[in-house]
Amino acid sequence: MFEIIMMVCLAATGEQCREFRLTDMQYEDAATCIRDSHLKASNWQSENVKFTLIGTRCAKNAIKIPEPPKS
């Protein structure tokens, strides 16, 4: 299963960038994951204004990537 991975940075400084995985949905194929990734990550970012969304990607078995913090 594929999961959405977001690269985010602190909005105040533009520093301390890191990756987080969105765990609310898993995808059977990469194409669907990629298609949905920008909207899902944008929705997350709008609720977590301390962070700036830099980009997204999809990964399989991304269990080592932490879940995003709750703002």
Protein backbone atom coordinates (compact mmCIF):
# COMPACT_ATOMS: atom_id res chain seq x y z
CA MET A 1 0.00 0.00 0.00
CA PHE A 2 1.14 3.52 -0.81
CA GLU A 3 0.96 6.49 1.55
CA ILE A 4 1.31 10.21 0.97
CA ILE A 5 4.59 11.70 2.19
CA MET A 6 4.76 15.48 2.71
CA MET A 7 7.83 17.68 2.97
CA VAL A 8 7.04 20.57 5.32
CA CYS A 9 9.05 23.36 6.93
CA LEU A 10 8.33 25.68 9.82
CA ALA A 11 6.41 28.64 8.37
CA ALA A 12 8.05 31.23 10.63
CA THR A 13 11.62 30.50 9.54
CA GLY A 14 11.40 28.30 6.46
CA GLU A 15 13.83 25.99 8.22
CA GLN A 16 13.63 22.68 10.08
CA CYS A 17 12.19 20.87 7.09
CA ARG A 18 11.24 17.23 7.37
CA GLU A 19 9.02 14.56 5.94
CA PHE A 20 5.81 13.27 7.47
CA ARG A 21 3.37 10.65 6.22
CA LEU A 22 -0.35 11.14 6.10
CA THR A 23 -1.89 8.06 7.65
CA ASP A 24 -5.58 8.76 7.06
CA MET A 25 -5.58 6.92 3.74
CA GLN A 26 -3.62 4.21 1.95
CA TYR A 27 -3.62 3.58 -1.78
CA GLU A 28 -3.27 0.38 -3.76
CA ASP A 29 -1.45 2.08 -6.64
CA ALA A 30 1.01 4.94 -6.99
CA ALA A 31 -1.00 6.81 -9.64
CA THR A 32 -4.02 7.27 -7.36
CA CYS A 33 -1.80 8.24 -4.46
CA ILE A 34 -0.04 10.88 -6.54
CA ARG A 35 -3.34 12.19 -7.89
CA ASP A 36 -4.73 12.73 -4.37
CA SER A 37 -1.51 13.81 -2.66
CA HIS A 38 -1.59 17.54 -3.36
CA LEU A 39 -5.17 18.06 -2.19
CA LYS A 40 -4.76 15.92 0.95
CA ALA A 41 -1.48 17.64 1.89
CA SER A 42 -2.95 21.07 1.19
CA ASN A 43 -5.92 20.29 3.44
CA TRP A 44 -3.52 19.19 6.20
CA GLN A 45 -1.45 22.35 5.81
CA SER A 46 -4.51 24.62 6.03
CA GLU A 47 -5.22 23.11 9.47
CA ASN A 48 -1.56 23.30 10.55
CA VAL A 49 -0.53 26.88 9.84
CA LYS A 50 2.78 26.59 11.70
CA PHE A 51 4.06 24.64 8.69
CA THR A 52 4.61 25.40 5.02
CA LEU A 53 4.05 22.59 2.54
CA ILE A 54 7.04 22.18 0.23
CA GLY A 55 5.99 19.11 -1.74
CA THR A 56 4.52 15.64 -1.75
CA ARG A 57 5.43 12.17 -2.92
CA CYS A 58 4.07 8.68 -2.46
CA ALA A 59 5.92 5.77 -0.92
CA LYS A 60 5.28 2.12 -0.28
CA ASN A 61 5.86 0.72 3.22
CA ALA A 62 6.85 4.12 4.62
CA ILE A 63 6.46 3.05 8.24
CA LYS A 64 9.78 4.67 9.26
CA ILE A 65 8.53 8.13 8.29
CA PRO A 66 6.77 9.73 11.27
CA GLU A 67 3.19 10.91 11.36
CA PRO A 68 2.73 14.69 11.24
CA PRO A 69 2.48 16.69 14.47
CA LYS A 70 -0.86 18.01 15.56
CA SER A 71 -0.96 21.84 15.65
